[in-house]
């Protein structure tokens, strides 16, 4: 991987981190408990509880994605970014452009 490609990927990762961090405050707010004192109809309360559950799931997914992206930046700093953890080969730049937090190449990923 060239320095230019690594710079491009660092910018992509940083942009993704910023985007996720921006959505975390919204999701934190949307996952707060629904107070019983709030005047909602029965169906509306059920919908609000269902929506809260979806937002909790999204919050968890975003936190995991954020951790993977920070790990990718850490691997860049250590010089191991872009190398497959299973076979040790370089992960193709096309895969890293699509999934910059990838830790294994497509071949090793499909092997399970």
Foldseek 3Di string as FASTA:
>chain_A
DDPVLVVVLLVVLVVLLVVLVVCLVVLVVLLDDDDPPDDDDPVVVVVSVVVSVVSVVVNVVSVVLNVLSVVLVVCVVVVNHQAAPPPRHGADSVVCVVVVSDRHHPVVVVVD
